[in-house]
Amino acid sequence: RIRHVPCPPPARARLIERDKGLKDARFPLAEIEANQELTKDTVRARLRRQIWHNLRSASALYNKAFEIDLLAMLGDNLVTLEQAIVYRHDCVHRNGYDHDGIKLELFTPDYIAKIHDLLKDLALEIMGKFDEITAEAFFVTPNPEVPPQTD
């Protein structure tokens, strides 16, 4: 299950500072005055334009904003996942055939399970990092030895 993690202000600030397109953005004062959410809207638009299938580019954004290195997390699985993205493209845009017109036969239950497990492990590792980042951003120090207080 995917959960939405709000972008902590420090991560948004790092992304704005480190991403060339965001760092160099210019707006007339009238536009800034008219839209109190201009910063958030601009960052959101930048992220919506991102091609998330490009793992190296996506990793650069994660690194800029959250200081999370997706490529390092993937390690030796990076090549496997990049190839899976190419195969996905062939399925979606070429009806299951590669550039040479050869039908892809690799989509066995074992292959699908392997890619699923790889992505699930990556997502869990990212979510663990987000939990750490969110706790730090909002000055919450998780301490498993201290039970939460109830009133």
C-alpha atoms as a PDB file:
ATOM      1  CA  ARG A   1       0.000   0.000   0.000  1.00  0.00           C
ATOM      2  CA  ILE A   2       1.389   3.389  -0.986  1.00  0.00           C
ATOM      3  CA  ARG A   3       1.087   6.192   1.513  1.00  0.00           C
ATOM      4  CA  HIS A   4       1.515   9.869   0.857  1.00  0.00           C
ATOM      5  CA  VAL A   5       4.392  11.394   2.774  1.00  0.00           C
ATOM      6  CA  PRO A   6       4.197  15.179   3.033  1.00  0.00           C
ATOM      7  CA  CYS A   7       7.372  16.872   1.903  1.00  0.00           C
ATOM      8  CA  PRO A   8       9.019  18.362   4.981  1.00  0.00           C
ATOM      9  CA  PRO A   9       9.970  22.021   4.467  1.00  0.00           C
ATOM     10  CA  PRO A  10      13.729  21.278   4.796  1.00  0.00           C
ATOM     11  CA  ALA A  11      13.533  18.744   1.931  1.00  0.00           C
ATOM     12  CA  ARG A  12      11.607  21.176  -0.271  1.00  0.00           C
ATOM     13  CA  ALA A  13      14.168  23.899   0.533  1.00  0.00           C
ATOM     14  CA  ARG A  14      17.071  21.564  -0.377  1.00  0.00           C
ATOM     15  CA  LEU A  15      15.381  20.658  -3.671  1.00  0.00           C
ATOM     16  CA  ILE A  16      14.801  24.314  -4.536  1.00  0.00           C
ATOM     17  CA  GLU A  17      18.404  25.133  -3.665  1.00  0.00           C
ATOM     18  CA  ARG A  18      19.945  22.193  -5.562  1.00  0.00           C
ATOM     19  CA  ASP A  19      17.714  21.731  -8.646  1.00  0.00           C
ATOM     20  CA  LYS A  20      18.840  24.077 -11.424  1.00  0.00           C
ATOM     21  CA  GLY A  21      15.363  24.666 -12.840  1.00  0.00           C
ATOM     22  CA  LEU A  22      13.905  25.502  -9.444  1.00  0.00           C
ATOM     23  CA  LYS A  23      16.926  27.458  -8.217  1.00  0.00           C
ATOM     24  CA  ASP A  24      16.888  29.689 -11.296  1.00  0.00           C
ATOM     25  CA  ALA A  25      13.092  30.239 -11.412  1.00  0.00           C
ATOM     26  CA  ARG A  26      12.014  33.881 -11.628  1.00  0.00           C
ATOM     27  CA  PHE A  27       8.540  35.285 -11.000  1.00  0.00           C
ATOM     28  CA  PRO A  28       7.048  38.753 -11.214  1.00  0.00           C
ATOM     29  CA  LEU A  29       6.015  40.204  -7.852  1.00  0.00           C
ATOM     30  CA  ALA A  30       2.397  40.322  -9.015  1.00  0.00           C
ATOM     31  CA  GLU A  31       2.429  36.544  -9.534  1.00  0.00           C
ATOM     32  CA  ILE A  32       4.003  35.963  -6.128  1.00  0.00           C
ATOM     33  CA  GLU A  33       1.426  38.214  -4.489  1.00  0.00           C
ATOM     34  CA  ALA A  34      -1.465  36.529  -6.320  1.00  0.00           C
ATOM     35  CA  ASN A  35      -0.433  32.996  -5.357  1.00  0.00           C
ATOM     36  CA  GLN A  36       0.598  32.377  -1.756  1.00  0.00           C
ATOM     37  CA  GLU A  37       1.286  28.749  -2.720  1.00  0.00           C
ATOM     38  CA  LEU A  38       3.596  29.635  -5.627  1.00  0.00           C
ATOM     39  CA  THR A  39       6.631  27.848  -4.180  1.00  0.00           C
ATOM     40  CA  LYS A  40       4.734  24.620  -3.509  1.00  0.00           C
ATOM     41  CA  ASP A  41       2.942  24.822  -6.876  1.00  0.00           C
ATOM     42  CA  THR A  42       6.237  25.339  -8.718  1.00  0.00           C
ATOM     43  CA  VAL A  43       7.921  22.414  -6.986  1.00  0.00           C
ATOM     44  CA  ARG A  44       4.848  20.213  -7.585  1.00  0.00           C
ATOM     45  CA  ALA A  45       4.843  21.125 -11.289  1.00  0.00           C
ATOM     46  CA  ARG A  46       8.564  20.306 -11.543  1.00  0.00           C
ATOM     47  CA  LEU A  47       8.022  16.904  -9.976  1.00  0.00           C
ATOM     48  CA  ARG A  48       5.037  16.161 -12.225  1.00  0.00           C
ATOM     49  CA  ARG A  49       7.204  16.816 -15.300  1.00  0.00           C
ATOM     50  CA  GLN A  50       9.786  14.329 -14.064  1.00  0.00           C
ATOM     51  CA  ILE A  51      10.115  11.074 -16.005  1.00  0.00           C
ATOM     52  CA  TRP A  52      10.215   8.681 -13.050  1.00  0.00           C
ATOM     53  CA  HIS A  53      11.194   5.713 -15.256  1.00  0.00           C
ATOM     54  CA  ASN A  54      14.605   7.334 -15.636  1.00  0.00           C
ATOM     55  CA  LEU A  55      16.106   5.936 -12.438  1.00  0.00           C
ATOM     56  CA  ARG A  56      19.277   8.011 -12.603  1.00  0.00           C
ATOM     57  CA  SER A  57      17.335  11.258 -12.943  1.00  0.00           C
ATOM     58  CA  ALA A  58      14.846  10.215 -10.261  1.00  0.00           C
ATOM     59  CA  SER A  59      17.707   9.280  -7.961  1.00  0.00           C
ATOM     60  CA  ALA A  60      19.252  12.720  -8.468  1.00  0.00           C
ATOM     61  CA  LEU A  61      16.010  14.345  -7.278  1.00  0.00           C
ATOM     62  CA  TYR A  62      15.747  12.049  -4.255  1.00  0.00           C
ATOM     63  CA  ASN A  63      19.360  12.877  -3.453  1.00  0.00           C
ATOM     64  CA  LYS A  64      18.799  16.638  -3.785  1.00  0.00           C
ATOM     65  CA  ALA A  65      15.656  16.723  -1.653  1.00  0.00           C
ATOM     66  CA  PHE A  66      16.030  13.892   0.824  1.00  0.00           C
ATOM     67  CA  GLU A  67      19.710  12.986   0.571  1.00  0.00           C
ATOM     68  CA  ILE A  68      18.633   9.458  -0.347  1.00  0.00           C
ATOM     69  CA  ASP A  69      20.711   7.656  -2.982  1.00  0.00           C
ATOM     70  CA  LEU A  70      18.358   5.307  -4.836  1.00  0.00           C
ATOM     71  CA  LEU A  71      21.168   4.011  -7.029  1.00  0.00           C
ATOM     72  CA  ALA A  72      23.165   2.952  -3.980  1.00  0.00           C
ATOM     73  CA  MET A  73      20.044   1.349  -2.487  1.00  0.00           C
ATOM     74  CA  LEU A  74      19.543  -0.664  -5.663  1.00  0.00           C
ATOM     75  CA  GLY A  75      23.203  -1.680  -5.897  1.00  0.00           C
ATOM     76  CA  ASP A  76      23.595  -4.638  -8.240  1.00  0.00           C
ATOM     77  CA  ASN A  77      19.821  -4.636  -8.858  1.00  0.00           C
ATOM     78  CA  LEU A  78      20.017  -1.331 -10.769  1.00  0.00           C
ATOM     79  CA  VAL A  79      20.803  -3.055 -14.075  1.00  0.00           C
ATOM     80  CA  THR A  80      17.966  -5.555 -13.527  1.00  0.00           C
ATOM     81  CA  LEU A  81      15.466  -2.794 -12.813  1.00  0.00           C
ATOM     82  CA  GLU A  82      16.618  -0.633 -15.733  1.00  0.00           C
ATOM     83  CA  GLN A  83      16.164  -3.625 -18.054  1.00  0.00           C
ATOM     84  CA  ALA A  84      12.718  -4.294 -16.553  1.00  0.00           C
ATOM     85  CA  ILE A  85      11.772  -0.701 -17.407  1.00  0.00           C
ATOM     86  CA  VAL A  86      12.820  -1.289 -21.024  1.00  0.00           C
ATOM     87  CA  TYR A  87      10.745  -4.493 -21.107  1.00  0.00           C
ATOM     88  CA  ARG A  88       7.779  -2.640 -19.608  1.00  0.00           C
ATOM     89  CA  HIS A  89       8.112  -0.029 -22.365  1.00  0.00           C
ATOM     90  CA  ASP A  90       8.083  -2.777 -24.992  1.00  0.00           C
ATOM     91  CA  CYS A  91       4.952  -4.286 -23.448  1.00  0.00           C
ATOM     92  CA  VAL A  92       3.082  -1.011 -23.203  1.00  0.00           C
ATOM     93  CA  HIS A  93       4.167   0.598 -26.472  1.00  0.00           C
ATOM     94  CA  ARG A  94       5.047  -2.353 -28.716  1.00  0.00           C
ATOM     95  CA  ASN A  95       2.498  -4.922 -27.624  1.00  0.00           C
ATOM     96  CA  GLY A  96       5.153  -7.161 -26.075  1.00  0.00           C
ATOM     97  CA  TYR A  97       7.712  -7.030 -28.902  1.00  0.00           C
ATOM     98  CA  ASP A  98      11.189  -5.517 -28.793  1.00  0.00           C
ATOM     99  CA  HIS A  99      12.727  -3.067 -31.317  1.00  0.00           C
ATOM    100  CA  ASP A 100      13.569  -5.956 -33.640  1.00  0.00           C
ATOM    101  CA  GLY A 101      10.028  -7.336 -33.630  1.00  0.00           C
ATOM    102  CA  ILE A 102      10.918 -10.298 -31.411  1.00  0.00           C
ATOM    103  CA  LYS A 103       8.185 -11.282 -28.970  1.00  0.00           C
ATOM    104  CA  LEU A 104       9.257 -11.001 -25.340  1.00  0.00           C
ATOM    105  CA  GLU A 105       8.836 -14.363 -23.623  1.00  0.00           C
ATOM    106  CA  LEU A 106      10.456 -13.543 -20.280  1.00  0.00           C
ATOM    107  CA  PHE A 107       7.304 -12.560 -18.371  1.00  0.00           C
ATOM    108  CA  THR A 108       7.044 -15.739 -16.335  1.00  0.00           C
ATOM    109  CA  PRO A 109       5.525 -15.769 -12.847  1.00  0.00           C
ATOM    110  CA  ASP A 110       9.065 -16.097 -11.434  1.00  0.00           C
ATOM    111  CA  TYR A 111      10.287 -13.026 -13.348  1.00  0.00           C
ATOM    112  CA  ILE A 112       7.279 -10.953 -12.257  1.00  0.00           C
ATOM    113  CA  ALA A 113       7.777 -12.079  -8.634  1.00  0.00           C
ATOM    114  CA  LYS A 114      11.481 -11.176  -8.806  1.00  0.00           C
ATOM    115  CA  ILE A 115      10.788  -7.647 -10.063  1.00  0.00           C
ATOM    116  CA  HIS A 116       7.927  -7.254  -7.587  1.00  0.00           C
ATOM    117  CA  ASP A 117      10.175  -8.246  -4.683  1.00  0.00           C
ATOM    118  CA  LEU A 118      12.948  -5.932  -5.858  1.00  0.00           C
ATOM    119  CA  LEU A 119      10.547  -2.975  -6.055  1.00  0.00           C
ATOM    120  CA  LYS A 120       8.872  -3.838  -2.762  1.00  0.00           C
ATOM    121  CA  ASP A 121      12.239  -3.983  -0.978  1.00  0.00           C
ATOM    122  CA  LEU A 122      13.257  -0.648  -2.517  1.00  0.00           C
ATOM    123  CA  ALA A 123       9.950   0.959  -1.510  1.00  0.00           C
ATOM    124  CA  LEU A 124      10.267  -0.310   2.053  1.00  0.00           C
ATOM    125  CA  GLU A 125      13.824   0.987   2.298  1.00  0.00           C
ATOM    126  CA  ILE A 126      12.748   4.393   0.955  1.00  0.00           C
ATOM    127  CA  MET A 127       9.817   4.540   3.383  1.00  0.00           C
ATOM    128  CA  GLY A 128      12.184   3.750   6.249  1.00  0.00           C
ATOM    129  CA  LYS A 129      14.354   6.670   5.189  1.00  0.00           C
ATOM    130  CA  PHE A 130      11.278   8.907   4.902  1.00  0.00           C
ATOM    131  CA  ASP A 131      10.264   7.980   8.445  1.00  0.00           C
ATOM    132  CA  GLU A 132      13.727   9.053   9.648  1.00  0.00           C
ATOM    133  CA  ILE A 133      13.611  12.272   7.614  1.00  0.00           C
ATOM    134  CA  THR A 134      10.093  13.142   8.747  1.00  0.00           C
ATOM    135  CA  ALA A 135      11.017  12.549  12.387  1.00  0.00           C
ATOM    136  CA  GLU A 136      14.080  14.784  12.020  1.00  0.00           C
ATOM    137  CA  ALA A 137      12.215  17.482  10.082  1.00  0.00           C
ATOM    138  CA  PHE A 138       9.515  17.802  12.692  1.00  0.00           C
ATOM    139  CA  PHE A 139      11.845  17.319  15.679  1.00  0.00           C
ATOM    140  CA  VAL A 140      10.304  14.027  16.686  1.00  0.00           C
ATOM    141  CA  THR A 141      12.755  11.549  18.096  1.00  0.00           C
ATOM    142  CA  PRO A 142      11.270   8.067  17.960  1.00  0.00           C
ATOM    143  CA  ASN A 143      12.188   6.134  21.084  1.00  0.00           C
ATOM    144  CA  PRO A 144      10.819   2.584  21.166  1.00  0.00           C
ATOM    145  CA  GLU A 145      11.550   2.297  24.897  1.00  0.00           C
ATOM    146  CA  VAL A 146       9.190   5.133  25.840  1.00  0.00           C
ATOM    147  CA  PRO A 147       5.508   4.303  25.333  1.00  0.00           C
ATOM    148  CA  PRO A 148       3.346   7.059  23.835  1.00  0.00           C
ATOM    149  CA  GLN A 149       1.443   9.100  26.405  1.00  0.00           C
ATOM    150  CA  THR A 150      -2.319   8.919  26.426  1.00  0.00           C
ATOM    151  CA  ASP A 151      -4.558  11.484  28.063  1.00  0.00           C
END
